[in-house]
Amino acid sequence: MELKHTPRPWEKDHIKSISKHKNDNTPTVADNLTLEELEANGRLIASASEMLEMMINSFKQTKIIVGDNYINLIKMDEKSDAYKMLKLIEKATGFPIEEVLK
């Protein structure tokens, strides 16, 4: 499956403000962040694509070693870190994990 986001590498540049959402999903501009917070957010955003790719590859490699039932085993334990990672991958890609791993 080919992901639809802008391919990496992403790089952090000079950031003056960052967009975020309030609890009610109303977009706001967080222009009152400190330089330290803006720099930290920029590094996190710049590494997001690579982190997603690494999580997906980790699942693919484990599936090869353990077998196709691997995903079903993870889904049985919603408190596990593997399940939380699975849900993050689905959230980031917009697709079920089974589609992502094809």
N, C-alpha and C. Protein backbone atom coordinates (compact mmCIF):
# COMPACT_ATOMS: atom_id res chain seq x y z
N MET A 1 0.84 -1.18 0.00
CA MET A 1 0.00 0.00 0.00
C MET A 1 0.88 1.24 0.00
N GLU A 2 0.54 2.20 -0.81
CA GLU A 2 1.29 3.45 -0.87
C GLU A 2 0.60 4.50 -0.01
N LEU A 3 1.35 5.09 0.91
CA LEU A 3 0.80 6.11 1.78
C LEU A 3 0.64 7.41 1.01
N LYS A 4 -0.33 8.23 1.41
CA LYS A 4 -0.69 9.43 0.65
C LYS A 4 -0.05 10.72 1.16
N HIS A 5 0.67 10.67 2.28
CA HIS A 5 1.26 11.90 2.81
C HIS A 5 2.49 12.31 2.00
N THR A 6 2.95 13.51 2.25
CA THR A 6 4.16 14.00 1.59
C THR A 6 5.33 13.12 1.99
N PRO A 7 6.04 12.57 1.02
CA PRO A 7 7.14 11.66 1.35
C PRO A 7 8.26 12.37 2.10
N ARG A 8 8.98 11.58 2.89
CA ARG A 8 10.12 12.15 3.62
C ARG A 8 11.30 12.28 2.69
N PRO A 9 12.32 12.96 3.03
CA PRO A 9 12.58 13.53 4.35
C PRO A 9 11.88 14.87 4.56
N TRP A 10 11.45 15.07 5.77
CA TRP A 10 10.93 16.36 6.19
C TRP A 10 12.02 17.02 7.03
N GLU A 11 12.09 18.30 6.97
CA GLU A 11 13.08 19.01 7.75
C GLU A 11 12.43 20.14 8.53
N LYS A 12 12.94 20.35 9.70
CA LYS A 12 12.46 21.46 10.52
C LYS A 12 13.13 22.73 10.01
N ASP A 13 12.34 23.75 9.77
CA ASP A 13 12.84 25.03 9.35
C ASP A 13 12.51 26.03 10.46
N HIS A 14 12.67 27.27 10.20
CA HIS A 14 12.32 28.27 11.21
C HIS A 14 10.80 28.33 11.34
N ILE A 15 10.31 28.10 12.54
CA ILE A 15 8.88 28.06 12.80
C ILE A 15 8.49 29.28 13.61
N LYS A 16 7.45 29.98 13.16
CA LYS A 16 6.98 31.15 13.89
C LYS A 16 5.68 30.86 14.64
N SER A 17 4.88 29.97 14.12
CA SER A 17 3.65 29.58 14.80
C SER A 17 3.28 28.17 14.36
N ILE A 18 2.37 27.58 15.08
CA ILE A 18 1.95 26.22 14.78
C ILE A 18 0.45 26.13 14.97
N SER A 19 -0.23 25.39 14.13
CA SER A 19 -1.67 25.27 14.22
C SER A 19 -2.03 24.09 15.11
N LYS A 20 -3.04 24.24 15.91
CA LYS A 20 -3.51 23.14 16.74
C LYS A 20 -5.02 23.27 16.89
N HIS A 21 -5.64 22.27 17.51
CA HIS A 21 -7.08 22.27 17.69
C HIS A 21 -7.41 22.30 19.18
N LYS A 22 -8.45 23.04 19.50
CA LYS A 22 -8.97 23.01 20.86
C LYS A 22 -9.73 21.71 21.06
N ASN A 23 -10.21 21.48 22.26
CA ASN A 23 -10.96 20.26 22.55
C ASN A 23 -12.20 20.11 21.67
N ASP A 24 -12.78 21.21 21.22
CA ASP A 24 -13.97 21.13 20.37
C ASP A 24 -13.61 21.09 18.88
N ASN A 25 -12.33 20.82 18.58
CA ASN A 25 -11.81 20.72 17.20
C ASN A 25 -11.83 22.03 16.44
N THR A 26 -11.95 23.15 17.16
CA THR A 26 -11.87 24.45 16.51
C THR A 26 -10.40 24.79 16.28
N PRO A 27 -10.01 25.02 15.02
CA PRO A 27 -8.60 25.32 14.78
C PRO A 27 -8.22 26.67 15.39
N THR A 28 -7.05 26.72 15.97
CA THR A 28 -6.50 27.96 16.49
C THR A 28 -5.04 28.03 16.09
N VAL A 29 -4.47 29.18 16.21
CA VAL A 29 -3.04 29.33 15.97
C VAL A 29 -2.37 29.55 17.31
N ALA A 30 -1.42 28.70 17.59
CA ALA A 30 -0.70 28.78 18.86
C ALA A 30 0.52 29.66 18.66
N ASP A 31 0.29 30.98 18.65
CA ASP A 31 1.40 31.89 18.39
C ASP A 31 2.03 32.41 19.68
N ASN A 32 1.61 31.89 20.82
CA ASN A 32 2.18 32.33 22.08
C ASN A 32 3.09 31.26 22.69
N LEU A 33 3.56 30.32 21.87
CA LEU A 33 4.47 29.29 22.35
C LEU A 33 5.87 29.87 22.48
N THR A 34 6.63 29.30 23.38
CA THR A 34 8.02 29.72 23.53
C THR A 34 8.84 29.20 22.35
N LEU A 35 9.99 29.78 22.14
CA LEU A 35 10.88 29.32 21.07
C LEU A 35 11.25 27.86 21.30
N GLU A 36 11.46 27.48 22.55
CA GLU A 36 11.80 26.09 22.88
C GLU A 36 10.66 25.14 22.48
N GLU A 37 9.40 25.53 22.75
CA GLU A 37 8.25 24.70 22.37
C GLU A 37 8.11 24.61 20.85
N LEU A 38 8.31 25.74 20.16
CA LEU A 38 8.22 25.74 18.70
C LEU A 38 9.29 24.85 18.08
N GLU A 39 10.51 24.92 18.60
CA GLU A 39 11.59 24.09 18.09
C GLU A 39 11.30 22.61 18.33
N ALA A 40 10.81 22.27 19.53
CA ALA A 40 10.48 20.88 19.86
C ALA A 40 9.36 20.37 18.97
N ASN A 41 8.33 21.18 18.74
CA ASN A 41 7.23 20.79 17.86
C ASN A 41 7.72 20.59 16.44
N GLY A 42 8.62 21.45 15.99
CA GLY A 42 9.17 21.32 14.64
C GLY A 42 9.94 20.02 14.46
N ARG A 43 10.74 19.65 15.48
CA ARG A 43 11.48 18.39 15.39
C ARG A 43 10.53 17.20 15.35
N LEU A 44 9.48 17.25 16.17
CA LEU A 44 8.51 16.15 16.20
C LEU A 44 7.78 16.02 14.86
N ILE A 45 7.33 17.13 14.32
CA ILE A 45 6.63 17.11 13.04
C ILE A 45 7.56 16.61 11.93
N ALA A 46 8.81 17.06 11.94
CA ALA A 46 9.76 16.66 10.90
C ALA A 46 10.06 15.17 10.95
N SER A 47 9.95 14.54 12.12
CA SER A 47 10.26 13.11 12.23
C SER A 47 9.02 12.22 12.12
N ALA A 48 7.83 12.79 12.00
CA ALA A 48 6.59 12.01 12.00
C ALA A 48 6.54 10.98 10.87
N SER A 49 6.90 11.38 9.67
CA SER A 49 6.83 10.47 8.53
C SER A 49 7.75 9.27 8.72
N GLU A 50 8.95 9.53 9.20
CA GLU A 50 9.92 8.46 9.42
C GLU A 50 9.46 7.53 10.55
N MET A 51 8.89 8.10 11.61
CA MET A 51 8.39 7.27 12.72
C MET A 51 7.27 6.35 12.24
N LEU A 52 6.35 6.89 11.43
CA LEU A 52 5.25 6.08 10.91
C LEU A 52 5.80 4.94 10.05
N GLU A 53 6.74 5.26 9.19
CA GLU A 53 7.33 4.23 8.32
C GLU A 53 7.99 3.13 9.15
N MET A 54 8.68 3.50 10.21
CA MET A 54 9.36 2.52 11.06
C MET A 54 8.35 1.65 11.81
N MET A 55 7.25 2.24 12.27
CA MET A 55 6.22 1.45 12.97
C MET A 55 5.60 0.44 12.00
N ILE A 56 5.30 0.87 10.80
CA ILE A 56 4.71 -0.03 9.80
C ILE A 56 5.69 -1.16 9.48
N ASN A 57 6.95 -0.83 9.26
CA ASN A 57 7.95 -1.86 8.96
C ASN A 57 8.12 -2.85 10.10
N SER A 58 8.04 -2.36 11.32
CA SER A 58 8.13 -3.24 12.49
C SER A 58 6.99 -4.26 12.48
N PHE A 59 5.78 -3.80 12.18
CA PHE A 59 4.63 -4.70 12.10
C PHE A 59 4.81 -5.70 10.95
N LYS A 60 5.29 -5.23 9.81
CA LYS A 60 5.49 -6.13 8.66
C LYS A 60 6.51 -7.22 8.99
N GLN A 61 7.61 -6.84 9.60
CA GLN A 61 8.65 -7.82 9.94
C GLN A 61 8.16 -8.83 10.96
N THR A 62 7.44 -8.36 11.97
CA THR A 62 6.92 -9.28 12.98
C THR A 62 5.89 -10.21 12.38
N LYS A 63 5.07 -9.70 11.49
CA LYS A 63 4.06 -10.54 10.82
C LYS A 63 4.74 -11.65 10.02
N ILE A 64 5.86 -11.35 9.37
CA ILE A 64 6.59 -12.37 8.60
C ILE A 64 7.11 -13.46 9.53
N ILE A 65 7.63 -13.06 10.69
CA ILE A 65 8.22 -14.01 11.63
C ILE A 65 7.15 -14.83 12.34
N VAL A 66 6.10 -14.17 12.81
CA VAL A 66 5.09 -14.82 13.66
C VAL A 66 3.95 -15.43 12.85
N GLY A 67 3.61 -14.82 11.73
CA GLY A 67 2.53 -15.33 10.90
C GLY A 67 1.34 -14.39 10.85
N ASP A 68 0.38 -14.76 10.02
CA ASP A 68 -0.78 -13.91 9.77
C ASP A 68 -1.67 -13.70 10.99
N ASN A 69 -1.63 -14.59 11.94
CA ASN A 69 -2.49 -14.47 13.12
C ASN A 69 -2.00 -13.39 14.09
N TYR A 70 -0.84 -12.83 13.80
CA TYR A 70 -0.22 -11.83 14.66
C TYR A 70 -1.15 -10.65 14.97
N ILE A 71 -1.79 -10.11 13.96
CA ILE A 71 -2.67 -8.95 14.14
C ILE A 71 -3.86 -9.31 15.03
N ASN A 72 -4.42 -10.49 14.83
CA ASN A 72 -5.54 -10.91 15.68
C ASN A 72 -5.12 -11.05 17.14
N LEU A 73 -3.91 -11.52 17.38
CA LEU A 73 -3.41 -11.62 18.76
C LEU A 73 -3.26 -10.25 19.39
N ILE A 74 -2.75 -9.29 18.64
CA ILE A 74 -2.59 -7.93 19.16
C ILE A 74 -3.94 -7.32 19.50
N LYS A 75 -4.92 -7.54 18.64
CA LYS A 75 -6.25 -6.94 18.86
C LYS A 75 -6.94 -7.48 20.10
N MET A 76 -6.46 -8.60 20.63
CA MET A 76 -7.07 -9.19 21.83
C MET A 76 -6.66 -8.46 23.10
N ASP A 77 -5.59 -7.69 23.07
CA ASP A 77 -5.09 -6.99 24.26
C ASP A 77 -5.04 -5.49 24.00
N GLU A 78 -6.16 -4.82 24.24
CA GLU A 78 -6.27 -3.39 23.95
C GLU A 78 -5.40 -2.52 24.86
N LYS A 79 -4.85 -3.09 25.92
CA LYS A 79 -3.99 -2.32 26.81
C LYS A 79 -2.52 -2.42 26.44
N SER A 80 -2.18 -3.28 25.49
CA SER A 80 -0.78 -3.48 25.13
C SER A 80 -0.26 -2.32 24.28
N ASP A 81 1.05 -2.10 24.35
CA ASP A 81 1.67 -1.08 23.52
C ASP A 81 1.55 -1.42 22.04
N ALA A 82 1.60 -2.71 21.72
CA ALA A 82 1.47 -3.13 20.31
C ALA A 82 0.09 -2.74 19.77
N TYR A 83 -0.95 -2.91 20.58
CA TYR A 83 -2.30 -2.52 20.14
C TYR A 83 -2.37 -1.00 19.95
N LYS A 84 -1.79 -0.26 20.88
CA LYS A 84 -1.80 1.20 20.78
C LYS A 84 -1.04 1.66 19.54
N MET A 85 0.06 0.99 19.22
CA MET A 85 0.82 1.32 18.02
C MET A 85 -0.02 1.01 16.78
N LEU A 86 -0.71 -0.12 16.79
CA LEU A 86 -1.59 -0.49 15.68
C LEU A 86 -2.63 0.60 15.45
N LYS A 87 -3.24 1.09 16.52
CA LYS A 87 -4.26 2.14 16.40
C LYS A 87 -3.66 3.45 15.90
N LEU A 88 -2.43 3.76 16.31
CA LEU A 88 -1.76 4.97 15.82
C LEU A 88 -1.49 4.89 14.32
N ILE A 89 -1.08 3.71 13.87
CA ILE A 89 -0.84 3.51 12.44
C ILE A 89 -2.14 3.72 11.67
N GLU A 90 -3.23 3.14 12.16
CA GLU A 90 -4.53 3.31 11.50
C GLU A 90 -4.97 4.77 11.51
N LYS A 91 -4.74 5.45 12.61
CA LYS A 91 -5.11 6.87 12.72
C LYS A 91 -4.30 7.72 11.74
N ALA A 92 -3.00 7.45 11.65
CA ALA A 92 -2.13 8.24 10.78
C ALA A 92 -2.38 7.98 9.30
N THR A 93 -2.72 6.76 8.95
CA THR A 93 -2.91 6.41 7.53
C THR A 93 -4.35 6.53 7.06
N GLY A 94 -5.29 6.40 8.00
CA GLY A 94 -6.71 6.41 7.61
C GLY A 94 -7.19 5.08 7.08
N PHE A 95 -6.39 4.02 7.25
CA PHE A 95 -6.73 2.70 6.75
C PHE A 95 -6.62 1.66 7.85
N PRO A 96 -7.40 0.56 7.75
CA PRO A 96 -7.23 -0.55 8.70
C PRO A 96 -5.83 -1.14 8.56
N ILE A 97 -5.32 -1.66 9.64
CA ILE A 97 -3.96 -2.20 9.66
C ILE A 97 -3.75 -3.26 8.60
N GLU A 98 -4.78 -4.06 8.34
CA GLU A 98 -4.66 -5.12 7.33
C GLU A 98 -4.36 -4.54 5.95
N GLU A 99 -4.95 -3.38 5.63
CA GLU A 99 -4.70 -2.72 4.35
C GLU A 99 -3.29 -2.15 4.31
N VAL A 100 -2.87 -1.57 5.42
CA VAL A 100 -1.54 -0.94 5.48
C VAL A 100 -0.45 -1.97 5.28
N LEU A 101 -0.64 -3.16 5.82
CA LEU A 101 0.40 -4.19 5.78
C LEU A 101 0.46 -4.97 4.47
N LYS A 102 -0.44 -4.69 3.54
CA LYS A 102 -0.43 -5.41 2.26
C LYS A 102 0.79 -5.02 1.46
